[in-house]
C-alpha atoms as a PDB file:
ATOM      1  CA  UNK A   1     146.429-152.327-160.089  1.00  0.00           C
ATOM      2  CA  UNK A   2     145.223-152.052-156.574  1.00  0.00           C
ATOM      3  CA  UNK A   3     142.303-154.436-155.783  1.00  0.00           C
ATOM      4  CA  UNK A   4     140.910-151.614-153.752  1.00  0.00           C
ATOM      5  CA  UNK A   5     140.443-149.116-156.574  1.00  0.00           C
ATOM      6  CA  UNK A   6     136.603-150.125-156.900  1.00  0.00           C
ATOM      7  CA  UNK A   7     136.126-149.768-153.086  1.00  0.00           C
ATOM      8  CA  UNK A   8     137.899-146.347-153.137  1.00  0.00           C
ATOM      9  CA  UNK A   9     135.729-145.055-155.927  1.00  0.00           C
ATOM     10  CA  UNK A  10     132.606-146.483-154.153  1.00  0.00           C
ATOM     11  CA  UNK A  11     133.383-144.697-150.871  1.00  0.00           C
ATOM     12  CA  UNK A  12     134.251-141.427-152.704  1.00  0.00           C
ATOM     13  CA  UNK A  13     131.202-141.200-155.097  1.00  0.00           C
ATOM     14  CA  UNK A  14     129.505-138.460-153.008  1.00  0.00           C
ATOM     15  CA  UNK A  15     132.619-136.311-153.217  1.00  0.00           C
ATOM     16  CA  UNK A  16     133.033-137.007-156.908  1.00  0.00           C
ATOM     17  CA  UNK A  17     129.421-136.006-157.614  1.00  0.00           C
ATOM     18  CA  UNK A  18     129.815-132.869-155.391  1.00  0.00           C
ATOM     19  CA  UNK A  19     132.871-131.863-157.467  1.00  0.00           C
ATOM     20  CA  UNK A  20     130.982-132.689-160.719  1.00  0.00           C
ATOM     21  CA  UNK A  21     128.023-130.487-159.426  1.00  0.00           C
ATOM     22  CA  UNK A  22     130.318-127.465-158.910  1.00  0.00           C
ATOM     23  CA  UNK A  23     131.153-127.631-162.556  1.00  0.00           C
ATOM     24  CA  UNK A  24     127.827-128.622-164.062  1.00  0.00           C
ATOM     25  CA  UNK A  25     126.359-125.212-164.510  1.00  0.00           C
ATOM     26  CA  UNK A  26     127.054-124.637-168.105  1.00  0.00           C
ATOM     27  CA  UNK A  27     125.326-125.367-171.404  1.00  0.00           C
ATOM     28  CA  UNK A  28     122.467-127.847-171.492  1.00  0.00           C
ATOM     29  CA  UNK A  29     123.247-129.034-168.064  1.00  0.00           C
ATOM     30  CA  UNK A  30     122.396-125.659-166.575  1.00  0.00           C
ATOM     31  CA  UNK A  31     118.977-125.896-168.216  1.00  0.00           C
ATOM     32  CA  UNK A  32     118.197-129.091-166.334  1.00  0.00           C
ATOM     33  CA  UNK A  33     116.654-128.806-162.875  1.00  0.00           C
ATOM     34  CA  UNK A  34     119.000-129.351-159.849  1.00  0.00           C
ATOM     35  CA  UNK A  35     117.438-132.858-159.229  1.00  0.00           C
ATOM     36  CA  UNK A  36     117.605-133.867-162.885  1.00  0.00           C
ATOM     37  CA  UNK A  37     121.060-132.498-163.601  1.00  0.00           C
ATOM     38  CA  UNK A  38     123.106-135.577-162.394  1.00  0.00           C
ATOM     39  CA  UNK A  39     120.966-138.014-164.322  1.00  0.00           C
ATOM     40  CA  UNK A  40     121.988-141.516-163.534  1.00  0.00           C
ATOM     41  CA  UNK A  41     125.610-140.621-162.846  1.00  0.00           C
ATOM     42  CA  UNK A  42     125.635-142.002-159.351  1.00  0.00           C
ATOM     43  CA  UNK A  43     124.485-145.363-160.693  1.00  0.00           C
ATOM     44  CA  UNK A  44     127.132-145.108-163.437  1.00  0.00           C
ATOM     45  CA  UNK A  45     129.821-144.508-160.913  1.00  0.00           C
ATOM     46  CA  UNK A  46     128.597-147.284-158.643  1.00  0.00           C
ATOM     47  CA  UNK A  47     128.612-149.660-161.595  1.00  0.00           C
ATOM     48  CA  UNK A  48     132.088-148.534-162.671  1.00  0.00           C
ATOM     49  CA  UNK A  49     133.382-149.067-159.152  1.00  0.00           C
ATOM     50  CA  UNK A  50     132.014-152.630-159.351  1.00  0.00           C
ATOM     51  CA  UNK A  51     133.664-153.237-162.627  1.00  0.00           C
ATOM     52  CA  UNK A  52     137.033-152.009-161.312  1.00  0.00           C
ATOM     53  CA  UNK A  53     137.026-154.733-158.711  1.00  0.00           C
ATOM     54  CA  UNK A  54     138.630-158.074-159.534  1.00  0.00           C
ATOM     55  CA  UNK A  55     136.085-160.535-160.925  1.00  0.00           C
ATOM     56  CA  UNK A  56     135.461-163.470-158.446  1.00  0.00           C
ATOM     57  CA  UNK A  57     133.881-165.903-160.967  1.00  0.00           C
ATOM     58  CA  UNK A  58     135.565-164.864-164.218  1.00  0.00           C
ATOM     59  CA  UNK A  59     132.330-163.736-165.812  1.00  0.00           C
ATOM     60  CA  UNK A  60     131.859-160.396-167.518  1.00  0.00           C
ATOM     61  CA  UNK A  61     128.412-159.798-165.804  1.00  0.00           C
ATOM     62  CA  UNK A  62     129.655-156.925-163.806  1.00  0.00           C
ATOM     63  CA  UNK A  63     131.226-155.143-166.779  1.00  0.00           C
ATOM     64  CA  UNK A  64     128.018-155.794-168.774  1.00  0.00           C
ATOM     65  CA  UNK A  65     126.077-154.260-165.936  1.00  0.00           C
ATOM     66  CA  UNK A  66     128.274-151.248-166.064  1.00  0.00           C
ATOM     67  CA  UNK A  67     127.735-150.848-169.690  1.00  0.00           C
ATOM     68  CA  UNK A  68     123.983-151.198-169.352  1.00  0.00           C
ATOM     69  CA  UNK A  69     123.905-148.615-166.612  1.00  0.00           C
ATOM     70  CA  UNK A  70     125.976-146.107-168.660  1.00  0.00           C
ATOM     71  CA  UNK A  71     123.747-146.776-171.683  1.00  0.00           C
ATOM     72  CA  UNK A  72     120.594-146.121-169.478  1.00  0.00           C
ATOM     73  CA  UNK A  73     122.157-142.767-168.458  1.00  0.00           C
ATOM     74  CA  UNK A  74     122.593-141.897-172.149  1.00  0.00           C
ATOM     75  CA  UNK A  75     118.946-142.901-172.862  1.00  0.00           C
ATOM     76  CA  UNK A  76     117.879-140.749-169.902  1.00  0.00           C
ATOM     77  CA  UNK A  77     119.691-137.802-171.304  1.00  0.00           C
ATOM     78  CA  UNK A  78     117.832-138.281-174.521  1.00  0.00           C
ATOM     79  CA  UNK A  79     114.463-138.296-172.724  1.00  0.00           C
ATOM     80  CA  UNK A  80     115.542-135.101-170.952  1.00  0.00           C
ATOM     81  CA  UNK A  81     115.588-133.408-174.301  1.00  0.00           C
ATOM     82  CA  UNK A  82     119.320-132.458-174.319  1.00  0.00           C
ATOM     83  CA  UNK A  83     121.691-132.969-177.180  1.00  0.00           C
ATOM     84  CA  UNK A  84     124.246-135.731-177.182  1.00  0.00           C
ATOM     85  CA  UNK A  85     126.875-133.197-176.451  1.00  0.00           C
ATOM     86  CA  UNK A  86     125.588-133.194-172.819  1.00  0.00           C
ATOM     87  CA  UNK A  87     126.957-136.660-172.406  1.00  0.00           C
ATOM     88  CA  UNK A  88     130.360-135.329-173.458  1.00  0.00           C
ATOM     89  CA  UNK A  89     129.883-132.553-170.820  1.00  0.00           C
ATOM     90  CA  UNK A  90     129.002-135.105-168.243  1.00  0.00           C
ATOM     91  CA  UNK A  91     132.065-137.182-168.601  1.00  0.00           C
ATOM     92  CA  UNK A  92     134.427-134.199-169.248  1.00  0.00           C
ATOM     93  CA  UNK A  93     133.308-132.817-165.953  1.00  0.00           C
ATOM     94  CA  UNK A  94     133.628-136.206-164.244  1.00  0.00           C
ATOM     95  CA  UNK A  95     137.152-136.526-165.690  1.00  0.00           C
ATOM     96  CA  UNK A  96     138.021-133.370-163.931  1.00  0.00           C
ATOM     97  CA  UNK A  97     136.093-134.079-160.747  1.00  0.00           C
ATOM     98  CA  UNK A  98     137.441-137.550-160.201  1.00  0.00           C
ATOM     99  CA  UNK A  99     141.030-136.820-159.403  1.00  0.00           C
ATOM    100  CA  UNK A 100     140.175-133.825-157.242  1.00  0.00           C
ATOM    101  CA  UNK A 101     137.569-135.853-155.214  1.00  0.00           C
ATOM    102  CA  UNK A 102     139.805-138.799-154.921  1.00  0.00           C
ATOM    103  CA  UNK A 103     142.554-136.584-153.477  1.00  0.00           C
ATOM    104  CA  UNK A 104     140.120-135.168-151.023  1.00  0.00           C
ATOM    105  CA  UNK A 105     138.592-138.477-150.058  1.00  0.00           C
ATOM    106  CA  UNK A 106     139.717-139.908-146.633  1.00  0.00           C
ATOM    107  CA  UNK A 107     141.638-143.196-146.935  1.00  0.00           C
ATOM    108  CA  UNK A 108     141.880-142.969-150.818  1.00  0.00           C
ATOM    109  CA  UNK A 109     145.682-142.704-150.602  1.00  0.00           C
ATOM    110  CA  UNK A 110     147.744-141.983-153.649  1.00  0.00           C
ATOM    111  CA  UNK A 111     146.526-143.669-156.957  1.00  0.00           C
ATOM    112  CA  UNK A 112     149.179-145.296-159.108  1.00  0.00           C
ATOM    113  CA  UNK A 113     149.538-144.315-162.843  1.00  0.00           C
ATOM    114  CA  UNK A 114     147.708-147.738-163.544  1.00  0.00           C
ATOM    115  CA  UNK A 115     144.836-146.942-161.350  1.00  0.00           C
ATOM    116  CA  UNK A 116     144.390-143.486-163.056  1.00  0.00           C
ATOM    117  CA  UNK A 117     144.526-145.123-166.423  1.00  0.00           C
ATOM    118  CA  UNK A 118     141.841-147.572-165.288  1.00  0.00           C
ATOM    119  CA  UNK A 119     139.646-144.734-164.172  1.00  0.00           C
ATOM    120  CA  UNK A 120     140.173-143.047-167.589  1.00  0.00           C
ATOM    121  CA  UNK A 121     139.302-146.337-169.330  1.00  0.00           C
ATOM    122  CA  UNK A 122     136.157-146.545-167.197  1.00  0.00           C
ATOM    123  CA  UNK A 123     135.052-142.993-168.221  1.00  0.00           C
ATOM    124  CA  UNK A 124     135.854-143.832-171.838  1.00  0.00           C
ATOM    125  CA  UNK A 125     133.676-147.005-171.579  1.00  0.00           C
ATOM    126  CA  UNK A 126     130.896-145.071-169.931  1.00  0.00           C
ATOM    127  CA  UNK A 127     130.802-142.388-172.622  1.00  0.00           C
ATOM    128  CA  UNK A 128     130.835-144.996-175.446  1.00  0.00           C
ATOM    129  CA  UNK A 129     128.037-146.921-173.824  1.00  0.00           C
ATOM    130  CA  UNK A 130     126.225-143.645-172.990  1.00  0.00           C
ATOM    131  CA  UNK A 131     126.206-142.538-176.611  1.00  0.00           C
ATOM    132  CA  UNK A 132     124.989-145.890-177.716  1.00  0.00           C
ATOM    133  CA  UNK A 133     122.161-145.501-175.071  1.00  0.00           C
ATOM    134  CA  UNK A 134     121.327-142.091-176.330  1.00  0.00           C
ATOM    135  CA  UNK A 135     120.770-143.600-179.788  1.00  0.00           C
ATOM    136  CA  UNK A 136     119.290-146.889-178.611  1.00  0.00           C
ATOM    137  CA  UNK A 137     115.978-146.281-180.461  1.00  0.00           C
ATOM    138  CA  UNK A 138     117.916-146.236-183.731  1.00  0.00           C
ATOM    139  CA  UNK A 139     119.817-149.282-182.849  1.00  0.00           C
ATOM    140  CA  UNK A 140     116.665-151.210-181.859  1.00  0.00           C
ATOM    141  CA  UNK A 141     114.852-150.255-185.147  1.00  0.00           C
ATOM    142  CA  UNK A 142     117.792-151.733-187.006  1.00  0.00           C
ATOM    143  CA  UNK A 143     117.702-154.761-184.700  1.00  0.00           C
ATOM    144  CA  UNK A 144     121.321-154.267-183.603  1.00  0.00           C
ATOM    145  CA  UNK A 145     121.008-153.132-179.982  1.00  0.00           C
ATOM    146  CA  UNK A 146     122.542-156.346-178.334  1.00  0.00           C
ATOM    147  CA  UNK A 147     125.508-156.340-180.986  1.00  0.00           C
ATOM    148  CA  UNK A 148     126.061-152.683-180.293  1.00  0.00           C
ATOM    149  CA  UNK A 149     126.444-153.258-176.503  1.00  0.00           C
ATOM    150  CA  UNK A 150     128.679-156.309-177.235  1.00  0.00           C
ATOM    151  CA  UNK A 151     130.975-153.980-179.199  1.00  0.00           C
ATOM    152  CA  UNK A 152     131.174-151.544-176.247  1.00  0.00           C
ATOM    153  CA  UNK A 153     131.948-154.556-174.002  1.00  0.00           C
ATOM    154  CA  UNK A 154     134.901-155.652-176.354  1.00  0.00           C
ATOM    155  CA  UNK A 155     136.177-152.128-176.405  1.00  0.00           C
ATOM    156  CA  UNK A 156     135.964-151.812-172.553  1.00  0.00           C
ATOM    157  CA  UNK A 157     138.235-154.834-171.959  1.00  0.00           C
ATOM    158  CA  UNK A 158     141.153-152.573-172.660  1.00  0.00           C
ATOM    159  CA  UNK A 159     140.095-149.753-170.339  1.00  0.00           C
ATOM    160  CA  UNK A 160     138.394-151.528-167.378  1.00  0.00           C
ATOM    161  CA  UNK A 161     139.720-155.107-167.136  1.00  0.00           C
ATOM    162  CA  UNK A 162     143.062-155.261-168.809  1.00  0.00           C
ATOM    163  CA  UNK A 163     144.943-152.564-166.929  1.00  0.00           C
END
């Protein structure tokens, strides 16, 4: 995989969010105000870009930050009063917006199949963490929040780091 995928995504986030916004006018997303509609997706994409870069010190801190950021987006959606299906809409729309935006992004070049799979793995990790974050209160009441995030981290190794 290209070591530049994280950098490409980072540079193209405004285009990705613009493509997302063009599609985010249905269902519960439409009910959210224009400023609240994207939630924390900008931060999720920035954290995903960092997680797609090669690790310099071998630690999983960057991936853990990505998971925490995606979980925070899920928790924010809950406080916005939307159903968890809104998270599925977020990431479904991102899955459509990403390839279009990256094709339109200057200097993005052509992504390899491995890079496309890594992006899909990142989105899968984000939705999994986002759903956990949406239900964080239940996990905390059971005392299993940290174990829950650890399971997301283990699952993300396939999508974000192993490609």
